[in-house]
């Protein structure tokens, strides 16, 4: 069975999608079979891998959530060998309203992924920066949660709500849900604030914090506009080196 990891943070702009894309690409790069499931209506994981969601009408995660399609029917290959993607469609924005009256609505993604999980080593779920029904489906479906956390003043803002949501899901829908780890992103070594945030996060999460820290890096911001992972866009950049290091640390931790 593939290990299902949801990448989540209620706060936007923390490097969530960047982390999802580059971890998925790294895992594929080292020979793992990976499925990236984009359930963020913005579709940034798709565009960051060069997939045009405007061309996916009727063939995406929206149709899966409505029960009209199976995961395998909407999965597309990425440009990276071993990495497949379940894309969003423009219709996903209205999914939360349409699913509101469905029974067991929080289990839809989990049940859909159960059919394909044996085919992959890792399934990564990119969630919207909110704690609505889509993110809830991600938490219920996952084995663990990977939390990107920016090293800025409001780093811990909103995190309490995510941790509360994880606790609620554990007590009701997914008792085995665990925190995979916390990844510090957007680190600026020139500021005392960044260092203070790292210490605060390490003090709270202890060994769950990855040793790798992702720096604030222009190349990381540019890569999605080219539809490629950072390793392809700027292989020698600080951002690429950091995500390579993180990928290696991630694989070592999971015993892969």
Protein backbone atom coordinates (compact mmCIF):
# COMPACT_ATOMS: atom_id res chain seq x y z
CA UNK A 1 0.00 0.00 0.00
CA UNK A 2 1.28 3.46 -0.86
CA UNK A 3 2.05 5.84 1.97
CA UNK A 4 -0.48 8.70 1.77
CA UNK A 5 0.79 12.09 2.93
CA UNK A 6 -1.28 15.25 2.95
CA UNK A 7 0.65 18.52 2.69
CA UNK A 8 -1.31 21.05 4.69
CA UNK A 9 -1.21 24.46 6.27
CA UNK A 10 -4.24 26.65 6.69
CA UNK A 11 -2.13 29.74 6.00
CA UNK A 12 -1.42 30.48 2.34
CA UNK A 13 1.94 31.44 0.90
CA UNK A 14 4.02 29.11 3.07
CA UNK A 15 5.53 26.97 0.30
CA UNK A 16 2.94 24.20 0.52
CA UNK A 17 2.57 23.61 -3.21
CA UNK A 18 6.27 24.19 -3.86
CA UNK A 19 7.03 21.51 -1.31
CA UNK A 20 4.48 19.09 -2.77
CA UNK A 21 5.79 19.47 -6.32
CA UNK A 22 9.47 19.22 -5.48
CA UNK A 23 9.11 16.35 -3.02
CA UNK A 24 7.03 14.43 -5.55
CA UNK A 25 9.59 15.08 -8.30
CA UNK A 26 12.45 14.07 -6.01
CA UNK A 27 10.77 10.81 -5.00
CA UNK A 28 10.18 9.99 -8.67
CA UNK A 29 13.78 10.93 -9.39
CA UNK A 30 15.05 8.31 -6.93
CA UNK A 31 12.87 5.59 -8.41
CA UNK A 32 9.68 5.78 -6.37
CA UNK A 33 6.27 5.52 -7.98
CA UNK A 34 4.39 8.65 -6.96
CA UNK A 35 0.86 10.00 -7.34
CA UNK A 36 0.25 13.69 -6.70
CA UNK A 37 -3.40 14.49 -5.98
CA UNK A 38 -4.26 18.17 -6.37
CA UNK A 39 -7.36 19.11 -4.38
CA UNK A 40 -6.64 22.83 -4.22
CA UNK A 41 -9.08 24.66 -6.55
CA UNK A 42 -6.27 27.02 -7.54
CA UNK A 43 -4.59 24.09 -9.29
CA UNK A 44 -1.07 25.33 -8.60
CA UNK A 45 0.42 21.86 -8.33
CA UNK A 46 -0.90 21.14 -11.80
CA UNK A 47 0.38 24.35 -13.37
CA UNK A 48 3.68 23.91 -11.52
CA UNK A 49 4.10 20.62 -13.39
CA UNK A 50 3.03 22.02 -16.74
CA UNK A 51 -0.53 20.63 -16.71
CA UNK A 52 -3.14 23.03 -18.07
CA UNK A 53 -6.28 22.56 -15.96
CA UNK A 54 -8.36 24.34 -18.61
CA UNK A 55 -7.88 21.28 -20.80
CA UNK A 56 -9.05 18.88 -18.10
CA UNK A 57 -12.76 19.71 -18.13
CA UNK A 58 -14.72 16.66 -17.00
CA UNK A 59 -11.58 14.72 -16.09
CA UNK A 60 -10.25 15.63 -12.66
CA UNK A 61 -10.60 15.22 -8.93
CA UNK A 62 -13.94 17.05 -9.01
CA UNK A 63 -15.54 14.22 -10.96
CA UNK A 64 -13.98 11.69 -8.57
CA UNK A 65 -15.42 13.46 -5.53
CA UNK A 66 -18.86 13.50 -7.16
CA UNK A 67 -18.61 9.78 -7.85
CA UNK A 68 -18.70 10.22 -11.62
CA UNK A 69 -15.16 8.95 -12.31
CA UNK A 70 -12.57 6.68 -10.71
CA UNK A 71 -9.10 7.96 -9.75
CA UNK A 72 -7.49 5.77 -12.42
CA UNK A 73 -9.73 7.30 -15.08
CA UNK A 74 -8.52 10.86 -14.49
CA UNK A 75 -4.85 10.25 -13.64
CA UNK A 76 -2.36 11.74 -16.10
CA UNK A 77 1.36 11.26 -16.53
CA UNK A 78 3.67 14.16 -15.71
CA UNK A 79 6.87 14.94 -17.57
CA UNK A 80 8.75 13.07 -14.85
CA UNK A 81 9.01 9.29 -15.10
CA UNK A 82 7.26 7.67 -12.15
CA UNK A 83 5.20 10.74 -11.22
CA UNK A 84 1.50 10.78 -12.08
CA UNK A 85 -1.04 13.50 -11.25
CA UNK A 86 -4.73 13.63 -10.42
CA UNK A 87 -5.50 17.16 -11.63
CA UNK A 88 -8.11 19.68 -10.58
CA UNK A 89 -10.65 21.14 -12.94
CA UNK A 90 -12.13 24.61 -12.85
CA UNK A 91 -15.34 23.11 -11.41
CA UNK A 92 -13.65 22.14 -8.13
CA UNK A 93 -14.38 25.56 -6.62
CA UNK A 94 -18.02 24.61 -6.14
CA UNK A 95 -17.37 21.10 -4.87
CA UNK A 96 -17.65 21.95 -1.18
CA UNK A 97 -21.20 23.23 -1.65
CA UNK A 98 -22.24 20.33 -3.87
CA UNK A 99 -20.88 17.74 -1.45
CA UNK A 100 -22.31 19.32 1.69
CA UNK A 101 -25.37 17.08 1.87
CA UNK A 102 -23.64 13.88 0.88
CA UNK A 103 -23.39 11.07 3.43
CA UNK A 104 -19.86 10.22 4.59
CA UNK A 105 -18.65 13.19 2.60
CA UNK A 106 -15.35 13.36 4.48
CA UNK A 107 -14.47 9.79 3.39
CA UNK A 108 -14.88 10.23 -0.37
CA UNK A 109 -11.20 10.78 -1.17
CA UNK A 110 -10.06 8.02 1.18
CA UNK A 111 -12.36 5.50 -0.50
CA UNK A 112 -11.31 6.63 -3.98
CA UNK A 113 -7.59 6.35 -3.18
CA UNK A 114 -8.02 2.88 -1.67
CA UNK A 115 -8.51 1.54 -5.18
CA UNK A 116 -5.14 2.79 -6.45
CA UNK A 117 -2.97 2.98 -3.34
CA UNK A 118 -1.32 -0.42 -3.93
CA UNK A 119 0.02 0.89 -7.25
CA UNK A 120 2.19 3.61 -5.70
CA UNK A 121 4.97 4.02 -3.16
CA UNK A 122 3.79 7.49 -2.18
CA UNK A 123 0.62 9.50 -2.66
CA UNK A 124 0.97 13.22 -1.94
CA UNK A 125 -2.15 15.36 -1.51
CA UNK A 126 -1.90 19.12 -2.05
CA UNK A 127 -4.69 20.86 -0.12
CA UNK A 128 -6.19 24.35 -0.25
CA UNK A 129 -5.05 26.91 2.36
CA UNK A 130 -8.20 26.44 4.43
CA UNK A 131 -9.81 23.87 6.68
CA UNK A 132 -12.93 23.22 4.62
CA UNK A 133 -14.34 19.98 3.25
CA UNK A 134 -11.58 19.48 0.68
CA UNK A 135 -8.80 19.73 3.27
CA UNK A 136 -10.82 17.50 5.59
CA UNK A 137 -10.98 14.84 2.87
CA UNK A 138 -7.21 15.06 2.60
CA UNK A 139 -6.72 14.61 6.35
CA UNK A 140 -9.13 11.67 6.53
CA UNK A 141 -7.47 9.94 3.57
CA UNK A 142 -3.89 10.37 4.76
CA UNK A 143 -1.53 8.35 6.90
CA UNK A 144 0.27 11.51 7.94
CA UNK A 145 0.48 15.29 7.59
CA UNK A 146 3.49 17.20 6.28
CA UNK A 147 3.40 20.81 7.47
CA UNK A 148 5.41 23.48 5.64
CA UNK A 149 5.92 26.43 7.99
CA UNK A 150 7.44 29.73 6.91
CA UNK A 151 10.04 31.36 9.16
CA UNK A 152 8.19 34.65 9.47
CA UNK A 153 6.43 36.62 12.19
CA UNK A 154 3.05 34.94 11.78
CA UNK A 155 4.49 31.45 11.38
CA UNK A 156 2.45 29.97 14.20
CA UNK A 157 -0.70 31.87 13.25
CA UNK A 158 -3.37 29.46 12.14
CA UNK A 159 -1.21 26.48 13.04
CA UNK A 160 -3.20 25.98 16.22
CA UNK A 161 -6.33 25.51 14.09
CA UNK A 162 -4.60 22.95 11.88
CA UNK A 163 -3.41 21.02 14.94
CA UNK A 164 -6.92 21.17 16.36
CA UNK A 165 -8.30 19.84 13.07
CA UNK A 166 -5.78 16.99 13.13
CA UNK A 167 -6.80 16.16 16.70
CA UNK A 168 -10.51 16.16 15.75
CA UNK A 169 -9.89 13.93 12.73
CA UNK A 170 -7.88 11.51 14.91
CA UNK A 171 -10.73 11.32 17.41
CA UNK A 172 -13.41 10.73 14.81
CA UNK A 173 -12.49 9.70 11.27
CA UNK A 174 -8.82 8.68 11.13
CA UNK A 175 -7.39 7.56 14.47
CA UNK A 176 -3.99 6.69 12.97
CA UNK A 177 -3.32 10.12 11.45
CA UNK A 178 0.14 11.33 12.47
CA UNK A 179 2.33 14.36 11.87
CA UNK A 180 4.90 13.30 9.28
CA UNK A 181 7.08 16.30 9.94
CA UNK A 182 7.41 20.07 9.91
CA UNK A 183 9.48 21.72 7.18
CA UNK A 184 10.78 25.25 7.74
CA UNK A 185 10.46 27.30 4.55
CA UNK A 186 11.32 30.80 3.33
CA UNK A 187 14.23 31.06 5.75
CA UNK A 188 16.27 34.28 5.67
CA UNK A 189 19.59 33.74 7.44
CA UNK A 190 20.16 37.52 7.62
CA UNK A 191 17.39 38.09 10.14
CA UNK A 192 17.18 37.32 13.84
CA UNK A 193 13.47 36.73 13.39
CA UNK A 194 13.99 33.72 11.14
CA UNK A 195 16.35 32.17 13.66
CA UNK A 196 13.93 32.85 16.51
CA UNK A 197 11.04 31.24 14.62
CA UNK A 198 13.12 28.12 13.96
CA UNK A 199 13.95 27.80 17.64
CA UNK A 200 10.31 28.29 18.61
CA UNK A 201 9.13 25.66 16.15
CA UNK A 202 11.81 23.18 17.24
CA UNK A 203 10.88 23.80 20.86
CA UNK A 204 7.27 22.86 20.13
CA UNK A 205 7.58 20.06 17.58
CA UNK A 206 10.91 18.60 18.76
CA UNK A 207 12.19 15.81 16.50
CA UNK A 208 9.31 16.28 14.06
CA UNK A 209 11.11 19.31 12.58
CA UNK A 210 13.29 18.38 9.61
CA UNK A 211 16.94 19.29 9.83
CA UNK A 212 16.76 20.69 6.31
CA UNK A 213 15.64 24.31 6.07
CA UNK A 214 14.35 25.75 2.79
CA UNK A 215 15.77 29.25 2.15
CA UNK A 216 13.95 32.14 0.59
CA UNK A 217 15.07 31.79 -3.03
CA UNK A 218 14.04 33.54 -6.26
CA UNK A 219 14.43 30.38 -8.33
CA UNK A 220 11.81 28.61 -6.23
CA UNK A 221 9.34 31.35 -7.09
CA UNK A 222 10.21 31.22 -10.79
CA UNK A 223 10.09 27.46 -11.40
CA UNK A 224 6.26 27.06 -11.37
CA UNK A 225 5.87 29.59 -14.17
CA UNK A 226 7.95 27.25 -16.35
CA UNK A 227 5.91 24.21 -15.30
CA UNK A 228 8.91 22.32 -13.93
CA UNK A 229 10.41 21.26 -10.62
CA UNK A 230 13.22 23.37 -9.20
CA UNK A 231 15.80 20.71 -10.11
CA UNK A 232 15.06 21.27 -13.78
CA UNK A 233 14.65 25.04 -13.67
CA UNK A 234 17.75 25.92 -11.64
CA UNK A 235 19.62 22.79 -10.61
CA UNK A 236 22.47 24.66 -8.94
CA UNK A 237 20.34 27.14 -7.03
CA UNK A 238 20.08 27.20 -3.24
CA UNK A 239 16.44 26.20 -3.56
CA UNK A 240 17.24 23.11 -5.63
CA UNK A 241 20.01 22.06 -3.29
CA UNK A 242 17.74 22.52 -0.27
CA UNK A 243 14.89 20.47 -1.73
CA UNK A 244 17.34 17.73 -2.78
CA UNK A 245 18.60 17.65 0.80
CA UNK A 246 15.05 17.60 2.13
CA UNK A 247 14.06 14.80 -0.23
CA UNK A 248 16.98 12.69 0.95
CA UNK A 249 16.14 13.39 4.59
CA UNK A 250 12.48 12.54 3.97
CA UNK A 251 13.35 9.20 2.34
CA UNK A 252 15.76 8.34 5.15
CA UNK A 253 13.11 9.09 7.78
CA UNK A 254 10.43 6.96 6.16
CA UNK A 255 12.90 4.15 5.70
CA UNK A 256 12.74 4.16 1.94
